[in-house]
Amino acid sequence: MNLYILTEDRAKEEVLLEIVKIFLRDRGYCAFVDSLKIIPVLQDSHFCFYYEILGIACKGINRIYLKIVSGNSSFVDYLVFFQDKEPKENDIPLYAIEETKTDDSESRNTGVYQRITKFVYISHFYPNTKKIMLYNLKVKQKEKSTQTSIFGTRILRTLGVEIIGKNFNPNDKILQPFRSIKEFIESKNAMRKPPKGNVPISITICDSEMSLDSIPQDTHIYTISENKKVSKIQISARLIKNNHLAHDPNIGAVSGICATLRKLGFIGKIEIISHGLEQKHIGKNNKFIQVANLLDISLQGLEIPKIYINKQYWHYEKSSEKIATIFIHLIVTYFSKGYSIFENHAGCEKGYFLTNNGEHIPLEKYTDKKAYKDGDKKAIAFIPDLILLDIEHLEIINIEGKKYENRLQGLQSCKIMIL
C-alpha cells in the first residue's frame, strides 16, 4: 500500500522524515533512509498536482505521495493515510499531525494554546484518528517549561494528543493527563495571574449548592442526583482582538479548557464571561463559533447561532496561488543550485529569514505595530511569498504569488515591496 501525506503547507523534509519515522515505529517496519527529495509527478509533461517523496526504501510501503489540500475550516498541518488508492474526503486518516517551530522561549501562547483548537475541531470528524503535536524547533528549547506550556500540554495529553519533538523526562508532570475536573480547575486557577488590567483566564463553579472543595478528587461529573440539577461552570477570557472575535491564543485556551471539561465528563452548562464581544462580532464561519456548537458553549449576554458543520474536513487544492509558489520552491530546491531564504506561501505558516551565516530570524509583521493594533491596516509590513537565492547569478529573487485574475494586485504588492 501507499503512504499518502496531505498538507496545506510547503512540506519540510525533516518533518516528512519524522512523520515516516512515526509510521515505521507504530507498524514495526524497518527502512533504509537517504536524503529525502520531494519530486513533482508529471504526465505528458503536465504537473499532476502531487509529489512523490523519494529517499525511503521499505518493503512495507510501495510509494510515498504528497498532495496539497485545503481545510474547510480549522485544519491540522498533516493528514496521513496508508492505503492503495488516493484518499477521498470521506476516508479516515491514520494520523492528524500539527507541526510548529515555536517554543516557550519565543511565545508561550503560540507554541501550545493556539494549536489546541485544531485538535478539538478535528476530533468531531475523526475521533479515533491518532493525533500528534510535533515540535520542529529551530531554536533551543527552553530549559524550564512555563506554566502556560505545562497547562496547555496537559490539556493536549488529556485530549489524547501525543507530544513529539520536545525533550521531557518521561515522568515529568507536563506529560500527565488531568485525572479529574477538580484537579483540572485547581491547576488552572493556581497559575500566575496576568498583569493588572488584563482579563485572567479563570474557571469558576457557579452552583450555590456545590463548591470545588466539597467534591471528591475522583469525581468526574458535576451533577446533583437528588434533584437532577446540573451545575454551571464559567470561564473568563477575553476573545476580542482588533474589534473581532480573533484572539487566537485565548480561543485555543478556551477551546481546550471546554473540551477537557467535556472529556472528563462534565455535562452541565459552560459559559464564557468577560469576553468583550458584542452580538455583531458573532459570525457563523468563525472557528470558535463552530467549536462552541460542537461543545455546547455559551457566551454570556450573547446568542450563538446554530450552524451547519461541513461534513467534509478537507478538499484537494488545485487553484490556490500557493500551488504555484510551492511548486517553484520545490523545483528550485531539487533541480538547481539555488535555494529559498524565506517562505510565506498563502495560507501557510510564515517561515524564518535565513541569514548568510545560517541563522533563522523572524521578519517583522508590522511597520508600526501600535498603529496597526489601533486600526491602521496600512502599518502592516508587505513581504513576498517566497525569496530565492540564485547562487550562479548572484541574485535574490522576490516572488509574489497571485492567481491570474489578481495579477494586477500582485504587481502593486511588488511595487510596495521595492519601495
Protein backbone atom coordinates (compact mmCIF):
# COMPACT_ATOMS: atom_id res chain seq x y z
CA MET A 1 0.00 0.00 0.00
CA ASN A 2 0.98 3.63 -0.42
CA LEU A 3 1.58 6.24 2.24
CA TYR A 4 -0.27 9.46 1.43
CA ILE A 5 0.60 12.68 3.25
CA LEU A 6 -1.84 15.57 2.77
CA THR A 7 -0.93 19.09 3.81
CA GLU A 8 -1.87 22.74 3.35
CA ASP A 9 1.76 23.83 3.68
CA ARG A 10 5.06 23.51 1.90
CA ALA A 11 6.18 20.26 3.46
CA LYS A 12 9.64 20.26 5.04
CA GLU A 13 11.97 17.30 4.55
CA GLU A 14 12.75 16.98 8.26
CA VAL A 15 9.05 16.96 9.15
CA LEU A 16 8.20 14.41 6.46
CA LEU A 17 11.02 12.20 7.77
CA GLU A 18 9.62 12.45 11.31
CA ILE A 19 6.16 11.53 10.03
CA VAL A 20 7.52 8.47 8.23
CA LYS A 21 9.51 7.51 11.35
CA ILE A 22 6.32 7.67 13.43
CA PHE A 23 4.59 5.39 10.91
CA LEU A 24 7.53 2.94 10.87
CA ARG A 25 7.64 2.90 14.68
CA ASP A 26 3.94 2.18 15.04
CA ARG A 27 3.96 -0.52 12.35
CA GLY A 28 7.22 -2.10 13.45
CA TYR A 29 8.69 -1.66 9.95
CA CYS A 30 12.35 -1.22 9.06
CA ALA A 31 13.56 1.08 6.29
CA PHE A 32 16.66 2.39 4.55
CA VAL A 33 16.66 6.18 4.65
CA ASP A 34 18.61 8.50 2.36
CA SER A 35 18.26 12.25 1.77
CA LEU A 36 14.61 12.96 1.06
CA LYS A 37 13.55 14.54 -2.21
CA ILE A 38 10.07 15.87 -2.99
CA ILE A 39 9.66 15.43 -6.75
CA PRO A 40 6.63 16.62 -8.78
CA VAL A 41 4.80 13.89 -10.65
CA LEU A 42 4.32 14.67 -14.36
CA GLN A 43 2.16 13.08 -17.01
CA ASP A 44 2.65 14.09 -20.66
CA SER A 45 4.85 16.95 -19.38
CA HIS A 46 2.00 18.29 -17.24
CA PHE A 47 2.06 18.60 -13.47
CA CYS A 48 -0.38 16.17 -11.83
CA PHE A 49 -0.79 18.29 -8.67
CA TYR A 50 1.02 15.88 -6.40
CA TYR A 51 4.57 14.87 -5.48
CA GLU A 52 6.43 11.67 -4.78
CA ILE A 53 8.75 11.53 -1.78
CA LEU A 54 11.97 9.69 -2.62
CA GLY A 55 14.73 8.51 -0.30
CA ILE A 56 12.95 5.91 1.84
CA ALA A 57 13.07 2.21 0.97
CA CYS A 58 10.73 -0.04 2.96
CA LYS A 59 9.19 -3.37 1.93
CA GLY A 60 6.00 -2.45 3.78
CA ILE A 61 5.49 0.75 1.75
CA ASN A 62 5.01 0.83 -2.00
CA ARG A 63 5.28 4.59 -2.63
CA ILE A 64 5.01 7.79 -0.58
CA TYR A 65 2.98 10.61 -2.07
CA LEU A 66 2.44 14.22 -1.01
CA LYS A 67 -0.65 16.21 -2.01
CA ILE A 68 -1.66 19.81 -1.33
CA VAL A 69 -5.12 20.23 0.20
CA SER A 70 -7.12 22.88 1.99
CA GLY A 71 -9.23 22.51 5.09
CA ASN A 72 -12.87 23.55 5.03
CA SER A 73 -12.23 25.20 8.40
CA SER A 74 -9.59 24.80 11.12
CA PHE A 75 -7.12 22.27 9.68
CA VAL A 76 -4.14 20.44 11.15
CA ASP A 77 -0.87 20.59 9.23
CA TYR A 78 -0.77 16.96 8.05
CA LEU A 79 -3.18 14.09 7.48
CA VAL A 80 -1.58 10.68 6.86
CA PHE A 81 -3.27 7.75 5.10
CA PHE A 82 -1.98 4.24 4.37
CA GLN A 83 -3.98 2.68 1.55
CA ASP A 84 -3.82 1.54 -2.07
CA LYS A 85 -5.60 4.43 -3.73
CA GLU A 86 -5.56 8.19 -3.38
CA PRO A 87 -7.54 9.25 -0.28
CA LYS A 88 -11.08 10.50 -0.70
CA GLU A 89 -12.65 13.15 1.51
CA ASN A 90 -14.60 10.57 3.49
CA ASP A 91 -11.61 8.26 4.18
CA ILE A 92 -10.31 8.10 7.75
CA PRO A 93 -6.63 9.05 8.27
CA LEU A 94 -4.17 7.18 10.44
CA TYR A 95 -2.68 10.38 11.85
CA ALA A 96 -3.61 14.02 12.30
CA ILE A 97 -0.38 15.93 12.91
CA GLU A 98 0.09 19.57 13.90
CA GLU A 99 3.64 20.87 13.49
CA THR A 100 5.16 24.00 14.97
CA LYS A 101 8.62 25.51 15.15
CA THR A 102 7.67 27.72 18.12
CA ASP A 103 9.00 27.08 21.63
CA ASP A 104 8.27 28.68 25.02
CA SER A 105 11.36 30.81 24.54
CA GLU A 106 9.64 32.59 21.61
CA SER A 107 5.97 32.56 22.58
CA ARG A 108 4.21 30.88 25.49
CA ASN A 109 0.83 31.03 23.80
CA THR A 110 1.60 30.28 20.15
CA GLY A 111 3.57 27.13 20.94
CA VAL A 112 0.65 25.39 22.63
CA TYR A 113 -2.64 27.27 23.10
CA GLN A 114 -3.01 28.41 19.51
CA ARG A 115 -2.84 24.79 18.29
CA ILE A 116 -5.42 23.26 20.61
CA THR A 117 -8.46 24.46 18.64
CA LYS A 118 -7.39 22.35 15.66
CA PHE A 119 -7.34 19.15 17.71
CA VAL A 120 -10.71 19.95 19.28
CA TYR A 121 -12.26 20.55 15.86
CA ILE A 122 -10.78 17.53 14.07
CA SER A 123 -11.98 15.18 16.83
CA HIS A 124 -15.52 15.80 15.57
CA PHE A 125 -14.59 14.29 12.19
CA TYR A 126 -12.03 11.65 13.18
CA PRO A 127 -12.49 10.72 16.87
CA ASN A 128 -10.33 7.60 16.56
CA THR A 129 -7.50 9.04 14.44
CA LYS A 130 -4.19 9.29 16.30
CA LYS A 131 -3.39 12.94 16.99
CA ILE A 132 0.18 14.22 17.32
CA MET A 133 1.70 17.59 18.28
CA LEU A 134 5.08 17.66 16.53
CA TYR A 135 7.64 20.27 17.60
CA ASN A 136 10.14 21.03 14.81
CA LEU A 137 12.17 23.52 16.82
CA LYS A 138 14.58 25.92 15.12
CA VAL A 139 15.64 27.48 18.41
CA LYS A 140 16.92 25.97 21.65
CA GLN A 141 14.19 24.50 23.82
CA LYS A 142 13.52 26.48 27.00
CA GLU A 143 15.06 24.54 29.88
CA LYS A 144 12.19 25.12 32.30
CA SER A 145 8.68 24.94 30.89
CA THR A 146 6.37 27.86 31.60
CA GLN A 147 3.09 27.40 33.46
CA THR A 148 1.28 28.07 30.18
CA SER A 149 3.21 25.32 28.42
CA ILE A 150 2.64 22.83 31.23
CA PHE A 151 -1.08 23.51 31.44
CA GLY A 152 -1.57 23.51 27.65
CA THR A 153 0.46 20.34 27.17
CA ARG A 154 -1.54 18.55 29.86
CA ILE A 155 -4.73 19.61 28.06
CA LEU A 156 -3.38 18.07 24.86
CA ARG A 157 -2.46 14.87 26.70
CA THR A 158 -5.95 14.72 28.26
CA LEU A 159 -7.43 15.03 24.78
CA GLY A 160 -5.28 12.10 23.66
CA VAL A 161 -2.64 14.05 21.73
CA GLU A 162 0.89 12.60 21.63
CA ILE A 163 3.76 15.09 22.04
CA ILE A 164 6.86 14.56 19.84
CA GLY A 165 9.95 16.72 19.31
CA LYS A 166 10.49 18.10 22.80
CA ASN A 167 12.77 16.63 25.42
CA PHE A 168 10.83 15.80 28.55
CA ASN A 169 11.51 13.47 31.41
CA PRO A 170 9.05 10.56 30.85
CA ASN A 171 7.86 11.01 34.44
CA ASP A 172 7.50 14.78 34.11
CA LYS A 173 4.13 16.11 35.24
CA ILE A 174 3.80 18.01 31.95
CA LEU A 175 3.04 14.75 30.13
CA GLN A 176 0.40 13.56 32.61
CA PRO A 177 -3.26 13.92 31.55
CA PHE A 178 -5.62 15.50 34.04
CA ARG A 179 -7.38 12.85 36.11
CA SER A 180 -10.43 14.79 37.29
CA ILE A 181 -12.27 18.07 36.93
CA LYS A 182 -11.24 19.08 40.42
CA GLU A 183 -7.54 18.65 39.64
CA PHE A 184 -8.01 20.45 36.32
CA ILE A 185 -9.69 23.53 37.79
CA GLU A 186 -7.28 23.74 40.71
CA SER A 187 -4.32 23.55 38.31
CA LYS A 188 -5.62 26.40 36.13
CA ASN A 189 -6.60 28.70 38.96
CA ALA A 190 -3.23 28.19 40.70
CA MET A 191 -1.37 29.67 37.72
CA ARG A 192 0.18 33.10 37.96
CA LYS A 193 -2.31 35.87 37.18
CA PRO A 194 -1.71 38.31 34.28
CA PRO A 195 -0.80 41.97 34.83
CA LYS A 196 -3.46 44.21 36.32
CA GLY A 197 -5.92 45.34 33.67
CA ASN A 198 -5.79 42.09 31.68
CA VAL A 199 -8.64 39.58 31.86
CA PRO A 200 -7.32 36.40 33.51
CA ILE A 201 -8.41 33.04 32.14
CA SER A 202 -10.07 31.50 35.19
CA ILE A 203 -12.59 28.72 35.83
CA THR A 204 -15.42 29.14 38.34
CA ILE A 205 -18.13 26.75 39.55
CA CYS A 206 -21.42 28.64 39.71
CA ASP A 207 -23.66 26.19 41.58
CA SER A 208 -24.65 27.54 45.00
CA GLU A 209 -25.16 24.02 46.31
CA MET A 210 -21.70 22.91 45.37
CA SER A 211 -18.11 24.07 45.78
CA LEU A 212 -14.85 22.73 44.48
CA ASP A 213 -13.73 21.69 47.98
CA SER A 214 -16.89 19.64 48.53
CA ILE A 215 -16.27 17.39 45.54
CA PRO A 216 -14.19 14.21 45.91
CA GLN A 217 -10.95 14.14 43.91
CA ASP A 218 -12.15 11.31 41.68
CA THR A 219 -15.49 12.90 40.78
CA HIS A 220 -15.78 13.39 37.04
CA ILE A 221 -19.34 14.67 36.54
CA TYR A 222 -20.76 17.70 38.30
CA THR A 223 -24.38 16.71 38.92
CA ILE A 224 -26.71 16.69 41.87
CA SER A 225 -28.53 13.42 41.51
CA GLU A 226 -31.30 14.11 44.05
CA ASN A 227 -32.99 16.95 42.15
CA LYS A 228 -31.36 16.39 38.76
CA LYS A 229 -29.85 19.87 38.91
CA VAL A 230 -26.72 20.26 36.81
CA SER A 231 -24.10 22.80 37.80
CA LYS A 232 -22.72 25.55 35.59
CA ILE A 233 -19.09 26.44 35.01
CA GLN A 234 -17.98 29.90 33.92
CA ILE A 235 -14.70 30.62 32.15
CA SER A 236 -13.42 34.19 31.99
CA ALA A 237 -11.42 35.01 28.86
CA ARG A 238 -11.08 37.97 26.55
CA LEU A 239 -11.89 36.83 23.00
CA ILE A 240 -11.98 40.16 21.17
CA LYS A 241 -8.98 41.50 19.25
CA ASN A 242 -8.92 44.39 16.80
CA ASN A 243 -12.72 44.59 17.12
CA HIS A 244 -13.14 40.96 16.00
CA LEU A 245 -13.63 37.53 17.54
CA ALA A 246 -9.99 36.81 16.76
CA HIS A 247 -7.92 36.34 19.92
CA ASP A 248 -6.28 33.12 18.72
CA PRO A 249 -4.29 32.16 21.86
CA ASN A 250 -7.32 32.69 24.10
CA ILE A 251 -9.64 30.97 21.62
CA GLY A 252 -7.28 27.98 21.73
CA ALA A 253 -7.08 28.06 25.52
CA VAL A 254 -10.86 28.30 25.96
CA SER A 255 -11.49 25.58 23.35
CA GLY A 256 -9.02 23.31 25.16
CA ILE A 257 -10.48 24.03 28.59
CA CYS A 258 -14.03 23.33 27.42
CA ALA A 259 -13.00 20.19 25.54
CA THR A 260 -11.15 18.94 28.63
CA LEU A 261 -14.19 19.55 30.85
CA ARG A 262 -16.32 17.54 28.42
CA LYS A 263 -13.65 14.84 28.13
CA LEU A 264 -13.57 14.48 31.92
CA GLY A 265 -17.33 14.05 31.95
CA PHE A 266 -18.86 17.45 32.66
CA ILE A 267 -22.37 17.60 31.19
CA GLY A 268 -23.52 20.95 32.56
CA LYS A 269 -23.55 24.43 31.11
CA ILE A 270 -20.28 26.08 30.11
CA GLU A 271 -20.45 29.86 29.83
CA ILE A 272 -17.71 32.26 28.70
CA ILE A 273 -17.69 35.58 30.55
CA SER A 274 -15.63 38.80 30.34
CA HIS A 275 -15.15 38.05 26.62
CA GLY A 276 -15.51 41.66 25.46
CA LEU A 277 -17.65 40.69 22.45
CA GLU A 278 -20.86 42.16 21.09
CA GLN A 279 -23.50 40.37 19.06
CA LYS A 280 -22.19 41.99 15.86
CA HIS A 281 -18.90 40.10 16.31
CA ILE A 282 -20.59 36.69 16.20
CA GLY A 283 -20.41 35.18 12.72
CA LYS A 284 -21.23 31.68 11.56
CA ASN A 285 -17.85 31.00 9.95
CA ASN A 286 -15.61 31.77 12.92
CA LYS A 287 -13.73 28.69 14.15
CA PHE A 288 -14.64 29.39 17.78
CA ILE A 289 -18.36 29.53 16.95
CA GLN A 290 -18.02 26.14 15.29
CA VAL A 291 -16.26 24.73 18.38
CA ALA A 292 -18.93 26.35 20.59
CA ASN A 293 -21.60 24.46 18.65
CA LEU A 294 -19.70 21.19 18.93
CA LEU A 295 -19.08 21.51 22.69
CA ASP A 296 -22.30 23.33 23.64
CA ILE A 297 -20.58 26.50 24.89
CA SER A 298 -22.40 29.79 25.51
CA LEU A 299 -21.20 33.41 25.59
CA GLN A 300 -22.64 35.48 28.43
CA GLY A 301 -25.16 38.03 27.16
CA LEU A 302 -24.94 36.88 23.54
CA GLU A 303 -26.66 34.39 21.29
CA ILE A 304 -24.53 31.82 19.48
CA PRO A 305 -26.17 30.80 16.19
CA LYS A 306 -26.74 27.14 15.50
CA ILE A 307 -24.65 26.39 12.45
CA TYR A 308 -24.19 23.65 9.90
CA ILE A 309 -20.85 21.89 10.31
CA ASN A 310 -19.37 20.94 6.95
CA LYS A 311 -19.45 17.17 6.52
CA GLN A 312 -16.05 17.19 4.80
CA TYR A 313 -12.96 18.16 6.76
CA TRP A 314 -10.80 18.91 3.71
CA HIS A 315 -10.69 19.06 -0.09
CA TYR A 316 -7.98 18.84 -2.75
CA GLU A 317 -6.47 22.17 -3.76
CA LYS A 318 -5.87 22.91 -7.46
CA SER A 319 -6.38 26.64 -7.90
CA SER A 320 -4.76 28.45 -4.97
CA GLU A 321 -1.73 30.66 -5.61
CA LYS A 322 0.27 28.51 -3.19
CA ILE A 323 0.09 25.61 -5.67
CA ALA A 324 2.40 27.62 -7.94
CA THR A 325 4.70 29.14 -5.30
CA ILE A 326 5.23 25.78 -3.57
CA PHE A 327 5.89 24.16 -6.95
CA ILE A 328 8.56 26.79 -7.77
CA HIS A 329 10.04 26.42 -4.29
CA LEU A 330 10.48 22.66 -4.67
CA ILE A 331 11.71 22.82 -8.27
CA VAL A 332 14.42 25.30 -7.31
CA THR A 333 15.37 23.23 -4.26
CA TYR A 334 15.82 19.91 -6.10
CA PHE A 335 16.71 20.92 -9.66
CA SER A 336 19.04 23.89 -9.24
CA LYS A 337 21.86 25.20 -7.08
CA GLY A 338 19.61 27.92 -5.69
CA TYR A 339 17.52 27.74 -2.54
CA SER A 340 14.90 29.55 -0.52
CA ILE A 341 15.90 32.02 2.18
CA PHE A 342 12.32 32.92 3.17
CA GLU A 343 8.86 31.50 2.57
CA ASN A 344 5.39 32.82 3.27
CA HIS A 345 3.17 30.75 0.98
CA ALA A 346 -0.51 31.76 1.01
CA GLY A 347 -2.36 30.24 3.96
CA CYS A 348 0.82 28.62 5.27
CA GLU A 349 2.93 29.28 8.33
CA LYS A 350 5.38 32.13 7.82
CA GLY A 351 8.98 30.91 7.80
CA TYR A 352 12.12 32.43 9.22
CA PHE A 353 14.55 34.51 7.15
CA LEU A 354 17.78 32.58 6.59
CA THR A 355 20.87 34.78 7.02
CA ASN A 356 24.24 34.27 5.31
CA ASN A 357 25.65 32.72 8.49
CA GLY A 358 22.84 30.19 8.83
CA GLU A 359 20.73 31.96 11.46
CA HIS A 360 16.94 31.81 11.35
CA ILE A 361 15.36 35.15 12.24
CA PRO A 362 11.67 36.20 12.24
CA LEU A 363 10.60 39.04 9.95
CA GLU A 364 8.53 41.86 11.40
CA LYS A 365 4.83 41.71 10.59
CA TYR A 366 4.26 45.43 11.02
CA THR A 367 5.96 48.70 10.11
CA ASP A 368 4.29 50.16 13.20
CA LYS A 369 2.74 47.54 15.47
CA LYS A 370 0.92 50.02 17.71
CA ALA A 371 -0.60 51.84 14.74
CA TYR A 372 -1.76 48.53 13.25
CA LYS A 373 -3.32 47.43 16.54
CA ASP A 374 -5.08 50.80 16.71
CA GLY A 375 -6.70 50.18 13.33
CA ASP A 376 -4.23 51.43 10.70
CA LYS A 377 -4.12 48.41 8.37
CA LYS A 378 -1.50 50.13 6.18
CA ALA A 379 1.00 49.73 9.01
CA ILE A 380 1.46 46.07 8.07
CA ALA A 381 4.77 45.00 6.51
CA PHE A 382 4.50 43.86 2.89
CA ILE A 383 6.59 40.74 2.47
CA PRO A 384 6.75 38.40 -0.54
CA ASP A 385 5.52 34.81 -0.67
CA LEU A 386 8.96 33.46 -1.49
CA ILE A 387 12.54 34.76 -1.57
CA LEU A 388 15.05 32.72 -3.56
CA LEU A 389 18.83 32.96 -3.69
CA ASP A 390 20.31 32.29 -7.13
CA ILE A 391 23.93 31.32 -6.40
CA GLU A 392 25.03 31.08 -10.04
CA HIS A 393 23.88 34.58 -10.97
CA LEU A 394 24.32 36.14 -7.50
CA GLU A 395 20.72 37.31 -7.49
CA ILE A 396 17.97 37.46 -4.92
CA ILE A 397 14.51 36.82 -6.40
CA ASN A 398 11.37 38.03 -4.63
CA ILE A 399 8.22 36.15 -5.68
CA GLU A 400 4.66 37.32 -5.06
CA GLY A 401 2.11 34.65 -5.98
CA LYS A 402 -1.31 35.62 -7.34
CA LYS A 403 -3.99 33.98 -9.43
CA TYR A 404 -4.10 35.30 -12.99
CA GLU A 405 -7.26 37.33 -12.34
CA ASN A 406 -5.47 39.02 -9.41
CA ARG A 407 -2.18 39.67 -11.24
CA LEU A 408 -2.51 43.47 -11.00
CA GLN A 409 -2.75 43.22 -7.22
CA GLY A 410 0.44 41.17 -7.28
CA LEU A 411 2.24 43.79 -9.35
CA GLN A 412 1.12 46.50 -6.93
CA SER A 413 2.41 44.44 -3.98
CA CYS A 414 5.77 44.09 -5.73
CA LYS A 415 5.97 47.88 -6.17
CA ILE A 416 5.28 48.41 -2.46
CA MET A 417 7.92 45.84 -1.50
CA ILE A 418 10.52 47.57 -3.72
CA LEU A 419 9.71 50.93 -2.18
